[in-house]
Amino acid sequence: MPQRGEHIVVVGGTRGLGLIIARAGAELGARVTITGRDAATAEAAAKSLGPDAVGRGCELTNWESIRDLYVDMPDIDHLILAALDRDGNTIADFRPQDSAQTSLMKNVGYATAVHHAIPHFTARASVVLFSGMSMWRPVPGSTTISMANAGVIGLMRSLAVEIAPVRVNAITPGVVAGTAAVDDVDEDRRRMFEALRQRTPGKRLPVPADIVAATFALTDNPGINGENLTIDAGLRLV
């Protein structure tokens, strides 16, 4: 778990799993910086985390915005890249511009965020990149995000070599119960998620606390480097 006083930067930390991870770090006494596309939204979310949290605007398809994120940035102990873009794009009705925007954010944006963070990393720094199960289990509409998530793993492996001794790992969440993406859905999707739960060996889906614990395992353990940790309750096995 993060140590009191450590500085965690969560890119894409204003909602979803990014915000949950940031909140867990703040509750453990870490200093937390969260980013969102809109600075005001990021600042408001940071206020909910406590006095040691800071919110900053950062648009991952705007290179100047990424560079500006690190102006006057304190040293970084852990950089967590959790930003996502849900582009519902099928190959039958392919929209190249939408696809390019999502891939630019998830791949080039992630890489650029790490590039500008390098001067700020401490001696024990780590990076965690968020991928997704769609790279292995595509669904209708996941054409772009399947490509982008697979690209995150390639980026992670490259960075683990290029920016050593900074450790770089990835986390691939499965279907996470207790999130709006799973709980606040129509009946058809609710039935689909229940069917997935029944397929898992333990008849359970991961919950946000599982993703938090896995993320902090990657930030904490100096023996883990260049790995993709899948948190899907074994769904990929069946």
Protein backbone atom coordinates (compact mmCIF):
# COMPACT_ATOMS: atom_id res chain seq x y z
CA MET A 1 0.00 0.00 0.00
CA PRO A 2 1.19 3.58 -0.57
CA GLN A 3 3.18 5.03 2.29
CA ARG A 4 2.16 8.20 4.08
CA GLY A 5 3.57 11.19 2.26
CA GLU A 6 4.21 9.42 -1.04
CA HIS A 7 3.02 11.27 -4.13
CA ILE A 8 0.64 9.43 -6.46
CA VAL A 9 -0.47 10.91 -9.79
CA VAL A 10 -3.62 9.37 -11.28
CA VAL A 11 -4.23 10.44 -14.87
CA GLY A 12 -7.93 9.93 -15.44
CA GLY A 13 -8.66 10.15 -11.74
CA THR A 14 -11.89 12.14 -11.66
CA ARG A 15 -14.28 9.19 -11.98
CA GLY A 16 -14.54 5.42 -12.17
CA LEU A 17 -11.68 3.21 -11.08
CA GLY A 18 -9.19 6.07 -11.31
CA LEU A 19 -11.06 8.07 -8.68
CA ILE A 20 -11.51 4.99 -6.48
CA ILE A 21 -7.77 4.31 -6.58
CA ALA A 22 -6.98 7.95 -5.83
CA ARG A 23 -9.37 7.94 -2.87
CA ALA A 24 -7.78 4.77 -1.47
CA GLY A 25 -4.34 6.37 -1.71
CA ALA A 26 -5.51 9.54 0.00
CA GLU A 27 -7.10 7.54 2.82
CA LEU A 28 -3.72 5.88 3.41
CA GLY A 29 -2.05 9.28 3.80
CA ALA A 30 -0.53 9.65 0.35
CA ARG A 31 -0.43 12.97 -1.46
CA VAL A 32 -2.58 12.58 -4.54
CA THR A 33 -2.78 14.49 -7.81
CA ILE A 34 -5.66 13.59 -10.09
CA THR A 35 -6.27 14.77 -13.63
CA GLY A 36 -9.29 15.11 -15.86
CA ARG A 37 -9.97 16.70 -19.21
CA ASP A 38 -11.62 19.62 -17.44
CA ALA A 39 -9.59 21.41 -14.75
CA ALA A 40 -12.65 22.51 -12.75
CA THR A 41 -13.96 18.94 -12.62
CA ALA A 42 -10.56 17.68 -11.50
CA GLU A 43 -10.31 20.31 -8.79
CA ALA A 44 -13.78 19.50 -7.48
CA ALA A 45 -13.02 15.77 -7.39
CA ALA A 46 -9.74 16.46 -5.58
CA LYS A 47 -11.55 18.39 -2.86
CA SER A 48 -13.59 15.29 -2.10
CA LEU A 49 -10.36 13.38 -1.42
CA GLY A 50 -9.02 15.61 1.33
CA PRO A 51 -6.59 18.48 1.89
CA ASP A 52 -3.56 16.73 0.39
CA ALA A 53 -5.21 16.09 -2.98
CA VAL A 54 -4.75 18.31 -6.03
CA GLY A 55 -6.77 18.36 -9.25
CA ARG A 56 -5.32 19.43 -12.60
CA GLY A 57 -6.62 19.53 -16.15
CA CYS A 58 -4.95 17.27 -18.71
CA GLU A 59 -6.16 16.35 -22.17
CA LEU A 60 -4.27 13.28 -23.39
CA THR A 61 -4.63 14.23 -27.06
CA ASN A 62 -3.19 17.70 -26.47
CA TRP A 63 0.59 17.55 -26.14
CA GLU A 64 0.89 21.02 -24.59
CA SER A 65 -1.73 20.09 -22.00
CA ILE A 66 0.28 17.02 -21.03
CA ARG A 67 3.50 19.03 -20.81
CA ASP A 68 1.81 21.71 -18.71
CA LEU A 69 0.53 19.09 -16.27
CA TYR A 70 4.05 18.68 -14.92
CA VAL A 71 4.86 22.37 -14.42
CA ASP A 72 5.73 22.76 -10.72
CA MET A 73 4.89 19.09 -10.19
CA PRO A 74 6.38 17.61 -6.99
CA ASP A 75 8.46 14.44 -7.29
CA ILE A 76 6.35 11.45 -8.33
CA ASP A 77 6.48 8.11 -6.53
CA HIS A 78 3.76 6.41 -8.57
CA LEU A 79 2.15 7.36 -11.87
CA ILE A 80 -1.13 5.58 -12.65
CA LEU A 81 -2.63 6.01 -16.11
CA ALA A 82 -6.30 5.07 -15.86
CA ALA A 83 -7.88 7.38 -18.47
CA LEU A 84 -10.18 5.71 -20.98
CA ASP A 85 -12.38 6.52 -23.95
CA ARG A 86 -15.30 4.24 -24.81
CA ASP A 87 -15.40 4.39 -28.61
CA GLY A 88 -18.22 2.13 -29.83
CA ASN A 89 -16.80 1.44 -33.28
CA THR A 90 -17.53 -1.63 -35.41
CA ILE A 91 -15.54 -2.59 -38.48
CA ALA A 92 -18.77 -2.77 -40.52
CA ASP A 93 -19.55 0.89 -39.81
CA PHE A 94 -16.00 1.99 -39.12
CA ARG A 95 -15.42 5.65 -38.25
CA PRO A 96 -11.68 6.25 -38.73
CA GLN A 97 -11.59 9.67 -37.09
CA ASP A 98 -13.27 8.45 -33.88
CA SER A 99 -10.97 5.44 -33.83
CA ALA A 100 -7.89 7.59 -34.35
CA GLN A 101 -8.88 9.87 -31.47
CA THR A 102 -9.29 6.98 -29.04
CA SER A 103 -6.03 5.30 -30.08
CA LEU A 104 -4.22 8.63 -29.88
CA MET A 105 -5.39 9.13 -26.31
CA LYS A 106 -4.83 5.61 -25.00
CA ASN A 107 -1.48 4.91 -26.69
CA VAL A 108 0.33 8.10 -27.73
CA GLY A 109 -1.21 10.06 -24.85
CA TYR A 110 -0.10 7.48 -22.29
CA ALA A 111 3.42 7.46 -23.75
CA THR A 112 3.61 11.26 -23.76
CA ALA A 113 2.45 11.42 -20.13
CA VAL A 114 5.27 9.08 -19.12
CA HIS A 115 7.79 11.00 -21.22
CA HIS A 116 7.11 14.26 -19.40
CA ALA A 117 7.01 12.55 -16.00
CA ILE A 118 10.53 11.11 -16.25
CA PRO A 119 12.35 14.12 -14.69
CA HIS A 120 10.01 13.96 -11.70
CA PHE A 121 10.33 10.27 -10.82
CA THR A 122 11.85 9.36 -7.47
CA ALA A 123 14.38 6.58 -7.02
CA ARG A 124 11.62 4.04 -6.23
CA ALA A 125 9.09 5.27 -8.77
CA SER A 126 6.66 3.02 -10.61
CA VAL A 127 4.18 3.35 -13.47
CA VAL A 128 0.91 1.43 -13.87
CA LEU A 129 -0.95 1.51 -17.20
CA PHE A 130 -4.57 0.43 -17.52
CA SER A 131 -5.44 -1.93 -20.36
CA GLY A 132 -8.68 -3.91 -20.74
CA MET A 133 -10.12 -7.35 -21.43
CA SER A 134 -11.38 -6.36 -24.88
CA MET A 135 -7.92 -7.01 -26.29
CA TRP A 136 -8.55 -10.72 -25.60
CA ARG A 137 -12.35 -10.89 -25.65
CA PRO A 138 -13.63 -8.45 -28.25
CA VAL A 139 -17.33 -7.61 -28.30
CA PRO A 140 -19.41 -5.79 -30.93
CA GLY A 141 -18.26 -2.19 -30.99
CA SER A 142 -14.87 -2.82 -29.37
CA THR A 143 -12.79 -2.62 -32.56
CA THR A 144 -10.88 0.49 -31.53
CA ILE A 145 -10.56 -0.19 -27.83
CA SER A 146 -9.43 -3.78 -28.52
CA MET A 147 -6.59 -2.36 -30.60
CA ALA A 148 -5.78 0.36 -28.09
CA ASN A 149 -5.74 -1.99 -25.09
CA ALA A 150 -3.39 -4.37 -26.88
CA GLY A 151 -1.16 -1.40 -27.67
CA VAL A 152 -0.99 -0.52 -23.97
CA ILE A 153 0.68 -3.88 -23.27
CA GLY A 154 3.26 -3.27 -26.00
CA LEU A 155 3.92 0.18 -24.56
CA MET A 156 4.29 -1.22 -21.06
CA ARG A 157 6.93 -3.72 -22.15
CA SER A 158 8.87 -1.09 -24.05
CA LEU A 159 8.79 1.38 -21.18
CA ALA A 160 9.93 -1.22 -18.64
CA VAL A 161 13.16 -1.49 -20.62
CA GLU A 162 13.54 2.14 -21.69
CA ILE A 163 12.99 3.97 -18.40
CA ALA A 164 14.55 1.46 -16.00
CA PRO A 165 15.05 1.47 -13.06
CA VAL A 166 11.52 2.90 -12.94
CA ARG A 167 9.23 -0.14 -12.89
CA VAL A 168 6.39 -0.26 -15.39
CA ASN A 169 3.45 -2.66 -15.23
CA ALA A 170 -0.07 -2.92 -16.59
CA ILE A 171 -3.36 -3.94 -15.07
CA THR A 172 -6.20 -5.47 -17.08
CA PRO A 173 -9.52 -5.35 -15.23
CA GLY A 174 -12.29 -7.68 -16.25
CA VAL A 175 -15.97 -6.90 -15.78
CA VAL A 176 -15.96 -5.03 -12.46
CA ALA A 177 -19.14 -5.25 -10.38
CA GLY A 178 -20.06 -2.26 -8.25
CA THR A 179 -19.29 0.27 -10.99
CA ALA A 180 -21.68 2.34 -13.06
CA ALA A 181 -20.54 0.59 -16.23
CA VAL A 182 -21.92 -2.69 -14.86
CA ASP A 183 -24.63 -1.69 -12.38
CA ASP A 184 -26.31 1.25 -14.15
CA VAL A 185 -27.31 -0.61 -17.31
CA ASP A 186 -30.44 -1.85 -19.03
CA GLU A 187 -31.92 -5.27 -18.37
CA ASP A 188 -30.29 -6.92 -21.39
CA ARG A 189 -26.81 -5.91 -20.29
CA ARG A 190 -27.63 -6.82 -16.70
CA ARG A 191 -28.46 -10.35 -17.84
CA MET A 192 -25.23 -10.47 -19.85
CA PHE A 193 -23.13 -9.50 -16.84
CA GLU A 194 -24.94 -12.04 -14.67
CA ALA A 195 -24.16 -14.73 -17.23
CA LEU A 196 -20.49 -13.71 -17.08
CA ARG A 197 -20.54 -13.92 -13.29
CA GLN A 198 -21.95 -17.43 -13.46
CA ARG A 199 -19.15 -18.45 -15.83
CA THR A 200 -16.36 -17.50 -13.44
CA PRO A 201 -14.92 -20.38 -11.39
CA GLY A 202 -15.95 -18.72 -8.11
CA LYS A 203 -19.25 -17.34 -9.39
CA ARG A 204 -18.16 -13.79 -8.60
CA LEU A 205 -16.91 -10.79 -10.54
CA PRO A 206 -14.12 -8.56 -9.27
CA VAL A 207 -15.17 -5.46 -7.35
CA PRO A 208 -13.41 -2.07 -7.15
CA ALA A 209 -11.53 -3.05 -3.98
CA ASP A 210 -9.92 -5.89 -5.93
CA ILE A 211 -8.65 -3.46 -8.57
CA VAL A 212 -7.30 -1.12 -5.88
CA ALA A 213 -5.44 -3.96 -4.16
CA ALA A 214 -4.00 -5.17 -7.46
CA THR A 215 -2.88 -1.68 -8.45
CA PHE A 216 -1.10 -1.15 -5.16
CA ALA A 217 0.53 -4.58 -5.45
CA LEU A 218 2.13 -3.35 -8.66
CA THR A 219 3.24 -0.06 -7.13
CA ASP A 220 4.59 -1.72 -3.98
CA ASN A 221 6.42 -4.87 -5.06
CA PRO A 222 9.92 -4.14 -6.39
CA GLY A 223 10.09 -7.64 -7.89
CA ILE A 224 7.21 -7.01 -10.31
CA ASN A 225 8.25 -5.33 -13.54
CA GLY A 226 7.04 -5.59 -17.13
CA GLU A 227 3.97 -7.61 -16.14
CA ASN A 228 0.30 -7.43 -17.08
CA LEU A 229 -1.85 -8.32 -14.08
CA THR A 230 -5.32 -9.53 -15.08
CA ILE A 231 -8.09 -9.09 -12.50
CA ASP A 232 -11.10 -10.93 -13.91
CA ALA A 233 -11.88 -13.57 -11.25
CA GLY A 234 -10.74 -16.25 -13.69
CA LEU A 235 -13.24 -15.42 -16.45
CA ARG A 236 -10.58 -15.78 -19.11
CA LEU A 237 -10.15 -19.44 -18.15
CA VAL A 238 -13.63 -20.53 -19.21
